[in-house]
Amino acid sequence: MIQDMAAYPYRFWLIFGGLLLAAELLGTYGYLLWSGVSAIIIGAVTWIVPMDWSWQWVNFAILTMVTAIIWWYWLKTRTVSENQHLNQPDKLLIGRKMVLSSPIINGAGRINLADGSWPVRCSEDLPQGTEIRIVAVESITLIVEAIRDEHRNQTSNDI
C-alpha cells in the first residue's frame, strides 16, 4: 500500500481530501472544508504534474492557508442587515405604514396584512382610513400609532 502511494501520490491526496470533506459533514463548522478542497486540488495537480512529496505538502499547506484566508475575507465583507430578524419575521413589520380598513374602537381592532388578519392595539381610537405605522409587535398583536402629518397640523394652526 505504501509503495502504491509512492507510485501514485494523487490517489493519496484524493482519498485524503475525500476523508476531510466527509469529516466536515459531521459538523466541524468549516474547519476541514478548505483543507479537503486543497487536498483534492493538490491531487489533481499531482496527477497532471508529478512532484516530490515535500513540494506536495508545501503546496497543500499554502493552498489551505490561501483558501481559508479568502473564505474568511469573503465572510467578513458580507453585510448583514441589522433589520433582518431571521427567527422573528414579525419584527420586519415594525415601521411599516398602512391605512386602516376598519376603525380601532376602545384601543383595539384588526388589520388585514398580506394574507392574514392581525389584531392591533392603539392608545387612541382611530377611524377607518387613518394612516398608521406599526411601532411594536407583542406576541401576535401589532401596536400601532396614527401618522400625524406635521406640515398639515402646522398649516391648520396658522389659519
N, C-alpha and C. Protein backbone atom coordinates (compact mmCIF):
# COMPACT_ATOMS: atom_id res chain seq x y z
N MET A 1 0.82 -1.19 0.00
CA MET A 1 0.00 0.00 0.00
C MET A 1 0.87 1.26 0.00
N ILE A 2 1.93 1.26 0.79
CA ILE A 2 2.84 2.42 0.82
C ILE A 2 3.53 2.58 -0.53
N GLN A 3 3.88 1.44 -1.17
CA GLN A 3 4.50 1.51 -2.49
C GLN A 3 3.52 2.08 -3.50
N ASP A 4 2.23 1.75 -3.35
CA ASP A 4 1.19 2.26 -4.25
C ASP A 4 1.05 3.77 -4.08
N MET A 5 1.09 4.25 -2.82
CA MET A 5 1.01 5.69 -2.56
C MET A 5 2.21 6.41 -3.13
N ALA A 6 3.38 5.79 -3.02
CA ALA A 6 4.59 6.42 -3.55
C ALA A 6 4.54 6.48 -5.08
N ALA A 7 3.97 5.46 -5.68
CA ALA A 7 3.90 5.43 -7.15
C ALA A 7 2.79 6.34 -7.68
N TYR A 8 1.69 6.46 -6.95
CA TYR A 8 0.55 7.27 -7.39
C TYR A 8 0.12 8.21 -6.25
N PRO A 9 0.87 9.27 -6.01
CA PRO A 9 0.53 10.15 -4.86
C PRO A 9 -0.81 10.86 -5.02
N TYR A 10 -1.26 11.03 -6.24
CA TYR A 10 -2.54 11.72 -6.43
C TYR A 10 -3.67 10.93 -5.77
N ARG A 11 -3.56 9.61 -5.73
CA ARG A 11 -4.59 8.80 -5.07
C ARG A 11 -4.67 9.13 -3.58
N PHE A 12 -3.49 9.28 -2.96
CA PHE A 12 -3.47 9.65 -1.54
C PHE A 12 -4.20 10.97 -1.34
N TRP A 13 -3.89 11.99 -2.16
CA TRP A 13 -4.48 13.30 -1.98
C TRP A 13 -5.98 13.28 -2.23
N LEU A 14 -6.42 12.53 -3.22
CA LEU A 14 -7.85 12.47 -3.49
C LEU A 14 -8.60 11.75 -2.35
N ILE A 15 -8.02 10.68 -1.84
CA ILE A 15 -8.64 9.97 -0.72
C ILE A 15 -8.60 10.84 0.54
N PHE A 16 -7.45 11.47 0.79
CA PHE A 16 -7.30 12.35 1.96
C PHE A 16 -8.30 13.51 1.89
N GLY A 17 -8.42 14.12 0.72
CA GLY A 17 -9.39 15.21 0.55
C GLY A 17 -10.82 14.74 0.75
N GLY A 18 -11.15 13.55 0.23
CA GLY A 18 -12.49 13.00 0.43
C GLY A 18 -12.77 12.72 1.90
N LEU A 19 -11.77 12.21 2.62
CA LEU A 19 -11.96 11.96 4.05
C LEU A 19 -12.15 13.27 4.83
N LEU A 20 -11.38 14.29 4.47
CA LEU A 20 -11.54 15.59 5.14
C LEU A 20 -12.93 16.17 4.88
N LEU A 21 -13.40 16.07 3.63
CA LEU A 21 -14.73 16.58 3.32
C LEU A 21 -15.82 15.76 4.01
N ALA A 22 -15.63 14.46 4.12
CA ALA A 22 -16.59 13.62 4.84
C ALA A 22 -16.61 13.99 6.32
N ALA A 23 -15.44 14.25 6.88
CA ALA A 23 -15.37 14.67 8.28
C ALA A 23 -16.05 16.03 8.46
N GLU A 24 -15.95 16.88 7.46
CA GLU A 24 -16.61 18.19 7.51
C GLU A 24 -18.12 18.02 7.62
N LEU A 25 -18.65 17.01 6.97
CA LEU A 25 -20.10 16.76 7.02
C LEU A 25 -20.57 16.40 8.42
N LEU A 26 -19.67 15.98 9.28
CA LEU A 26 -20.04 15.63 10.65
C LEU A 26 -20.23 16.86 11.53
N GLY A 27 -19.96 18.04 10.98
CA GLY A 27 -20.27 19.25 11.71
C GLY A 27 -19.09 19.97 12.30
N THR A 28 -18.04 20.19 11.55
CA THR A 28 -16.88 20.91 12.08
C THR A 28 -16.94 22.40 11.76
N TYR A 29 -18.06 22.88 11.26
CA TYR A 29 -18.29 24.31 11.02
C TYR A 29 -17.28 24.94 10.06
N GLY A 30 -16.85 24.20 9.07
CA GLY A 30 -15.99 24.77 8.03
C GLY A 30 -14.51 24.60 8.27
N TYR A 31 -14.11 24.01 9.38
CA TYR A 31 -12.68 23.89 9.67
C TYR A 31 -11.97 22.97 8.69
N LEU A 32 -12.62 21.92 8.25
CA LEU A 32 -11.97 20.96 7.37
C LEU A 32 -12.34 21.15 5.90
N LEU A 33 -13.26 22.03 5.61
CA LEU A 33 -13.72 22.23 4.24
C LEU A 33 -12.58 22.63 3.31
N TRP A 34 -11.85 23.66 3.70
CA TRP A 34 -10.82 24.19 2.80
C TRP A 34 -9.59 23.30 2.77
N SER A 35 -9.33 22.54 3.82
CA SER A 35 -8.25 21.55 3.78
C SER A 35 -8.62 20.43 2.82
N GLY A 36 -9.87 20.00 2.85
CA GLY A 36 -10.32 18.95 1.94
C GLY A 36 -10.30 19.39 0.49
N VAL A 37 -10.76 20.61 0.23
CA VAL A 37 -10.73 21.15 -1.13
C VAL A 37 -9.29 21.28 -1.60
N SER A 38 -8.41 21.76 -0.74
CA SER A 38 -6.99 21.91 -1.09
C SER A 38 -6.36 20.55 -1.40
N ALA A 39 -6.69 19.53 -0.62
CA ALA A 39 -6.14 18.20 -0.85
C ALA A 39 -6.59 17.66 -2.21
N ILE A 40 -7.84 17.88 -2.56
CA ILE A 40 -8.33 17.42 -3.86
C ILE A 40 -7.65 18.18 -4.99
N ILE A 41 -7.44 19.47 -4.82
CA ILE A 41 -6.74 20.26 -5.84
C ILE A 41 -5.30 19.77 -5.98
N ILE A 42 -4.63 19.54 -4.87
CA ILE A 42 -3.25 19.02 -4.92
C ILE A 42 -3.23 17.65 -5.60
N GLY A 43 -4.23 16.82 -5.33
CA GLY A 43 -4.33 15.52 -6.00
C GLY A 43 -4.45 15.66 -7.50
N ALA A 44 -5.28 16.60 -7.95
CA ALA A 44 -5.45 16.83 -9.39
C ALA A 44 -4.16 17.37 -10.02
N VAL A 45 -3.52 18.30 -9.32
CA VAL A 45 -2.27 18.87 -9.84
C VAL A 45 -1.18 17.82 -9.89
N THR A 46 -1.08 17.00 -8.85
CA THR A 46 -0.06 15.95 -8.80
C THR A 46 -0.29 14.89 -9.88
N TRP A 47 -1.53 14.67 -10.22
CA TRP A 47 -1.85 13.72 -11.29
C TRP A 47 -1.34 14.25 -12.63
N ILE A 48 -1.49 15.56 -12.86
CA ILE A 48 -1.06 16.17 -14.12
C ILE A 48 0.43 16.46 -14.11
N VAL A 49 0.93 17.04 -13.01
CA VAL A 49 2.34 17.42 -12.89
C VAL A 49 2.95 16.70 -11.70
N PRO A 50 3.63 15.57 -11.91
CA PRO A 50 4.23 14.86 -10.78
C PRO A 50 5.27 15.73 -10.07
N MET A 51 5.25 15.68 -8.73
CA MET A 51 6.23 16.44 -7.95
C MET A 51 6.60 15.66 -6.70
N ASP A 52 7.67 16.07 -6.08
CA ASP A 52 8.18 15.42 -4.87
C ASP A 52 7.18 15.60 -3.73
N TRP A 53 7.18 14.63 -2.78
CA TRP A 53 6.26 14.69 -1.66
C TRP A 53 6.42 15.96 -0.83
N SER A 54 7.65 16.41 -0.66
CA SER A 54 7.85 17.62 0.14
C SER A 54 7.18 18.83 -0.52
N TRP A 55 7.24 18.93 -1.84
CA TRP A 55 6.59 20.03 -2.55
C TRP A 55 5.07 19.88 -2.49
N GLN A 56 4.61 18.66 -2.50
CA GLN A 56 3.17 18.45 -2.40
C GLN A 56 2.64 18.96 -1.06
N TRP A 57 3.36 18.65 0.04
CA TRP A 57 2.94 19.09 1.36
C TRP A 57 3.05 20.62 1.50
N VAL A 58 4.10 21.20 0.95
CA VAL A 58 4.26 22.66 1.00
C VAL A 58 3.11 23.31 0.23
N ASN A 59 2.83 22.81 -0.97
CA ASN A 59 1.74 23.37 -1.77
C ASN A 59 0.39 23.18 -1.09
N PHE A 60 0.21 22.04 -0.44
CA PHE A 60 -1.03 21.79 0.29
C PHE A 60 -1.20 22.79 1.43
N ALA A 61 -0.13 23.03 2.18
CA ALA A 61 -0.21 23.98 3.30
C ALA A 61 -0.50 25.39 2.80
N ILE A 62 0.19 25.79 1.75
CA ILE A 62 -0.02 27.14 1.20
C ILE A 62 -1.43 27.28 0.65
N LEU A 63 -1.88 26.29 -0.11
CA LEU A 63 -3.22 26.36 -0.69
C LEU A 63 -4.30 26.36 0.38
N THR A 64 -4.11 25.59 1.43
CA THR A 64 -5.07 25.58 2.54
C THR A 64 -5.14 26.95 3.19
N MET A 65 -4.00 27.56 3.43
CA MET A 65 -3.99 28.90 4.05
C MET A 65 -4.64 29.93 3.13
N VAL A 66 -4.32 29.90 1.86
CA VAL A 66 -4.87 30.87 0.91
C VAL A 66 -6.38 30.73 0.81
N THR A 67 -6.88 29.50 0.66
CA THR A 67 -8.33 29.32 0.54
C THR A 67 -9.04 29.70 1.83
N ALA A 68 -8.45 29.38 2.98
CA ALA A 68 -9.06 29.75 4.26
C ALA A 68 -9.10 31.27 4.44
N ILE A 69 -8.03 31.95 4.05
CA ILE A 69 -7.99 33.41 4.17
C ILE A 69 -9.00 34.06 3.23
N ILE A 70 -9.09 33.55 2.01
CA ILE A 70 -10.07 34.09 1.06
C ILE A 70 -11.48 33.89 1.60
N TRP A 71 -11.77 32.71 2.13
CA TRP A 71 -13.08 32.43 2.71
C TRP A 71 -13.37 33.35 3.90
N TRP A 72 -12.39 33.52 4.78
CA TRP A 72 -12.56 34.39 5.93
C TRP A 72 -12.83 35.83 5.48
N TYR A 73 -12.07 36.29 4.49
CA TYR A 73 -12.25 37.66 3.99
C TYR A 73 -13.64 37.82 3.37
N TRP A 74 -14.07 36.82 2.61
CA TRP A 74 -15.39 36.90 2.00
C TRP A 74 -16.47 36.95 3.06
N LEU A 75 -16.37 36.12 4.10
CA LEU A 75 -17.36 36.14 5.18
C LEU A 75 -17.36 37.47 5.92
N LYS A 76 -16.17 38.03 6.11
CA LYS A 76 -16.05 39.30 6.84
C LYS A 76 -16.68 40.45 6.08
N THR A 77 -16.58 40.43 4.75
CA THR A 77 -17.09 41.54 3.95
C THR A 77 -18.58 41.45 3.67
N ARG A 78 -19.19 40.31 3.95
CA ARG A 78 -20.63 40.19 3.75
C ARG A 78 -21.34 41.10 4.73
N THR A 79 -22.29 41.85 4.25
CA THR A 79 -23.04 42.73 5.13
C THR A 79 -24.30 42.02 5.60
N VAL A 80 -24.52 42.10 6.88
CA VAL A 80 -25.72 41.52 7.47
C VAL A 80 -26.56 42.68 7.97
N SER A 81 -27.75 42.76 7.48
CA SER A 81 -28.64 43.85 7.86
C SER A 81 -29.04 43.72 9.32
N GLU A 82 -28.99 44.84 10.03
CA GLU A 82 -29.44 44.84 11.43
C GLU A 82 -30.95 44.69 11.52
N ASN A 83 -31.65 45.03 10.44
CA ASN A 83 -33.10 44.92 10.44
C ASN A 83 -33.57 43.52 10.10
N GLN A 84 -32.66 42.64 9.77
CA GLN A 84 -33.04 41.28 9.40
C GLN A 84 -33.16 40.44 10.66
N HIS A 85 -34.36 40.00 10.95
CA HIS A 85 -34.62 39.18 12.13
C HIS A 85 -34.94 37.78 11.64
N LEU A 86 -33.92 36.96 11.54
CA LEU A 86 -34.05 35.65 10.93
C LEU A 86 -35.13 34.80 11.59
N ASN A 87 -35.13 34.71 12.90
CA ASN A 87 -36.08 33.85 13.59
C ASN A 87 -37.29 34.61 14.11
N GLN A 88 -37.40 35.89 13.79
CA GLN A 88 -38.53 36.71 14.22
C GLN A 88 -39.03 37.54 13.05
N PRO A 89 -39.63 36.91 12.04
CA PRO A 89 -40.05 37.66 10.85
C PRO A 89 -41.09 38.72 11.15
N ASP A 90 -41.85 38.58 12.25
CA ASP A 90 -42.84 39.60 12.59
C ASP A 90 -42.17 40.93 12.93
N LYS A 91 -40.91 40.92 13.36
CA LYS A 91 -40.19 42.16 13.67
C LYS A 91 -39.96 43.00 12.41
N LEU A 92 -40.01 42.36 11.24
CA LEU A 92 -39.85 43.10 9.99
C LEU A 92 -41.04 44.01 9.71
N LEU A 93 -42.13 43.80 10.42
CA LEU A 93 -43.32 44.64 10.24
C LEU A 93 -43.17 46.00 10.89
N ILE A 94 -42.28 46.12 11.87
CA ILE A 94 -42.12 47.38 12.60
C ILE A 94 -41.67 48.47 11.63
N GLY A 95 -42.38 49.59 11.67
CA GLY A 95 -42.09 50.72 10.79
C GLY A 95 -42.94 50.74 9.54
N ARG A 96 -43.64 49.67 9.27
CA ARG A 96 -44.47 49.60 8.07
C ARG A 96 -45.69 50.52 8.22
N LYS A 97 -46.00 51.22 7.15
CA LYS A 97 -47.14 52.14 7.15
C LYS A 97 -48.30 51.50 6.40
N MET A 98 -49.51 51.76 6.92
CA MET A 98 -50.71 51.19 6.32
C MET A 98 -51.87 52.17 6.50
N VAL A 99 -52.98 51.87 5.85
CA VAL A 99 -54.21 52.62 6.03
C VAL A 99 -55.23 51.67 6.64
N LEU A 100 -55.90 52.13 7.70
CA LEU A 100 -56.88 51.29 8.38
C LEU A 100 -58.07 50.99 7.47
N SER A 101 -58.39 49.71 7.36
CA SER A 101 -59.56 49.33 6.56
C SER A 101 -60.80 49.23 7.45
N SER A 102 -60.60 49.19 8.76
CA SER A 102 -61.71 49.22 9.72
C SER A 102 -61.26 50.05 10.92
N PRO A 103 -62.19 50.65 11.65
CA PRO A 103 -61.81 51.53 12.76
C PRO A 103 -61.22 50.76 13.95
N ILE A 104 -60.45 51.51 14.75
CA ILE A 104 -59.96 50.99 16.02
C ILE A 104 -60.87 51.58 17.10
N ILE A 105 -61.56 50.69 17.82
CA ILE A 105 -62.53 51.12 18.83
C ILE A 105 -62.07 50.60 20.18
N ASN A 106 -62.08 51.50 21.19
CA ASN A 106 -61.61 51.16 22.54
C ASN A 106 -60.18 50.64 22.52
N GLY A 107 -59.37 51.18 21.61
CA GLY A 107 -57.95 50.84 21.54
C GLY A 107 -57.64 49.51 20.88
N ALA A 108 -58.65 48.81 20.35
CA ALA A 108 -58.41 47.51 19.74
C ALA A 108 -59.09 47.43 18.38
N GLY A 109 -58.50 46.65 17.52
CA GLY A 109 -59.06 46.45 16.19
C GLY A 109 -58.30 45.36 15.46
N ARG A 110 -58.54 45.28 14.16
CA ARG A 110 -57.85 44.30 13.32
C ARG A 110 -57.47 44.98 12.01
N ILE A 111 -56.36 44.50 11.44
CA ILE A 111 -55.97 44.97 10.11
C ILE A 111 -55.66 43.76 9.25
N ASN A 112 -55.89 43.93 7.97
CA ASN A 112 -55.52 42.89 7.01
C ASN A 112 -54.12 43.21 6.50
N LEU A 113 -53.26 42.23 6.65
CA LEU A 113 -51.87 42.40 6.26
C LEU A 113 -51.43 41.16 5.52
N ALA A 114 -50.96 41.34 4.29
CA ALA A 114 -50.57 40.22 3.43
C ALA A 114 -51.76 39.29 3.27
N ASP A 115 -51.63 38.04 3.71
CA ASP A 115 -52.74 37.09 3.54
C ASP A 115 -53.41 36.77 4.86
N GLY A 116 -53.25 37.63 5.85
CA GLY A 116 -53.83 37.34 7.16
C GLY A 116 -54.43 38.57 7.81
N SER A 117 -55.13 38.32 8.90
CA SER A 117 -55.73 39.39 9.69
C SER A 117 -55.02 39.42 11.03
N TRP A 118 -54.56 40.59 11.42
CA TRP A 118 -53.79 40.75 12.65
C TRP A 118 -54.56 41.61 13.65
N PRO A 119 -54.55 41.25 14.93
CA PRO A 119 -55.13 42.14 15.94
C PRO A 119 -54.18 43.32 16.17
N VAL A 120 -54.76 44.50 16.36
CA VAL A 120 -53.96 45.69 16.61
C VAL A 120 -54.43 46.37 17.88
N ARG A 121 -53.51 47.08 18.50
CA ARG A 121 -53.80 47.87 19.69
C ARG A 121 -53.24 49.26 19.47
N CYS A 122 -53.97 50.24 19.95
CA CYS A 122 -53.55 51.63 19.81
C CYS A 122 -53.97 52.37 21.08
N SER A 123 -53.24 53.42 21.40
CA SER A 123 -53.55 54.19 22.62
C SER A 123 -54.77 55.10 22.43
N GLU A 124 -55.27 55.18 21.21
CA GLU A 124 -56.43 56.03 20.94
C GLU A 124 -57.33 55.35 19.92
N ASP A 125 -58.57 55.77 19.87
CA ASP A 125 -59.49 55.27 18.84
C ASP A 125 -59.19 55.98 17.53
N LEU A 126 -59.24 55.23 16.46
CA LEU A 126 -58.93 55.80 15.14
C LEU A 126 -60.01 55.39 14.14
N PRO A 127 -60.42 56.33 13.30
CA PRO A 127 -61.44 56.00 12.31
C PRO A 127 -60.84 55.22 11.12
N GLN A 128 -61.74 54.60 10.37
CA GLN A 128 -61.33 53.90 9.15
C GLN A 128 -60.68 54.90 8.19
N GLY A 129 -59.63 54.49 7.50
CA GLY A 129 -58.94 55.35 6.54
C GLY A 129 -57.77 56.11 7.13
N THR A 130 -57.53 55.99 8.44
CA THR A 130 -56.40 56.66 9.08
C THR A 130 -55.11 55.97 8.69
N GLU A 131 -54.10 56.77 8.39
CA GLU A 131 -52.79 56.18 8.08
C GLU A 131 -52.09 55.87 9.40
N ILE A 132 -51.60 54.63 9.51
CA ILE A 132 -50.97 54.18 10.75
C ILE A 132 -49.57 53.65 10.46
N ARG A 133 -48.79 53.53 11.54
CA ARG A 133 -47.45 52.93 11.48
C ARG A 133 -47.38 51.88 12.57
N ILE A 134 -46.81 50.73 12.23
CA ILE A 134 -46.62 49.67 13.22
C ILE A 134 -45.36 50.02 14.01
N VAL A 135 -45.49 50.14 15.33
CA VAL A 135 -44.36 50.54 16.17
C VAL A 135 -43.80 49.41 17.02
N ALA A 136 -44.56 48.34 17.21
CA ALA A 136 -44.08 47.22 18.02
C ALA A 136 -44.93 45.99 17.72
N VAL A 137 -44.40 44.85 18.11
CA VAL A 137 -45.14 43.60 17.99
C VAL A 137 -45.06 42.90 19.35
N GLU A 138 -46.23 42.61 19.92
CA GLU A 138 -46.30 41.88 21.18
C GLU A 138 -47.09 40.61 20.92
N SER A 139 -46.39 39.50 20.96
CA SER A 139 -46.97 38.20 20.65
C SER A 139 -47.53 38.26 19.23
N ILE A 140 -48.85 38.18 19.07
CA ILE A 140 -49.42 38.28 17.72
C ILE A 140 -50.18 39.59 17.53
N THR A 141 -50.02 40.51 18.46
CA THR A 141 -50.71 41.80 18.39
C THR A 141 -49.75 42.88 17.92
N LEU A 142 -50.20 43.65 16.93
CA LEU A 142 -49.40 44.76 16.42
C LEU A 142 -49.79 46.03 17.17
N ILE A 143 -48.79 46.72 17.66
CA ILE A 143 -49.02 48.01 18.34
C ILE A 143 -48.83 49.07 17.27
N VAL A 144 -49.83 49.93 17.10
CA VAL A 144 -49.80 50.92 16.03
C VAL A 144 -50.01 52.31 16.60
N GLU A 145 -49.64 53.27 15.79
CA GLU A 145 -49.92 54.67 16.13
C GLU A 145 -50.31 55.39 14.85
N ALA A 146 -51.12 56.42 15.02
CA ALA A 146 -51.54 57.21 13.86
C ALA A 146 -50.36 58.04 13.37
N ILE A 147 -50.27 58.18 12.07
CA ILE A 147 -49.23 59.04 11.49
C ILE A 147 -49.83 60.43 11.36
N ARG A 148 -49.22 61.35 12.07
CA ARG A 148 -49.69 62.73 12.04
C ARG A 148 -48.86 63.48 11.02
N ASP A 149 -49.52 64.19 10.14
CA ASP A 149 -48.82 64.99 9.14
C ASP A 149 -48.47 66.32 9.79
N GLU A 150 -47.21 66.46 10.20
CA GLU A 150 -46.77 67.66 10.92
C GLU A 150 -46.98 68.92 10.09
N HIS A 151 -46.72 68.85 8.79
CA HIS A 151 -46.88 70.02 7.93
C HIS A 151 -48.34 70.48 7.89
N ARG A 152 -49.26 69.51 7.79
CA ARG A 152 -50.68 69.83 7.74
C ARG A 152 -51.13 70.42 9.07
N ASN A 153 -50.63 69.91 10.21
CA ASN A 153 -51.02 70.43 11.53
C ASN A 153 -50.52 71.86 11.71
N GLN A 154 -49.31 72.16 11.25
CA GLN A 154 -48.78 73.50 11.38
C GLN A 154 -49.59 74.48 10.53
N THR A 155 -49.96 74.05 9.33
CA THR A 155 -50.72 74.92 8.44
C THR A 155 -52.10 75.21 9.01
N SER A 156 -52.76 74.20 9.58
CA SER A 156 -54.08 74.43 10.14
C SER A 156 -54.02 75.28 11.40
N ASN A 157 -52.93 75.22 12.16
CA ASN A 157 -52.78 76.03 13.35
C ASN A 157 -52.53 77.49 12.99
N ASP A 158 -51.90 77.73 11.84
CA ASP A 158 -51.60 79.09 11.42
C ASP A 158 -52.84 79.82 10.94
N ILE A 159 -53.89 79.12 10.55
CA ILE A 159 -55.07 79.76 9.96
C ILE A 159 -55.93 80.35 11.00
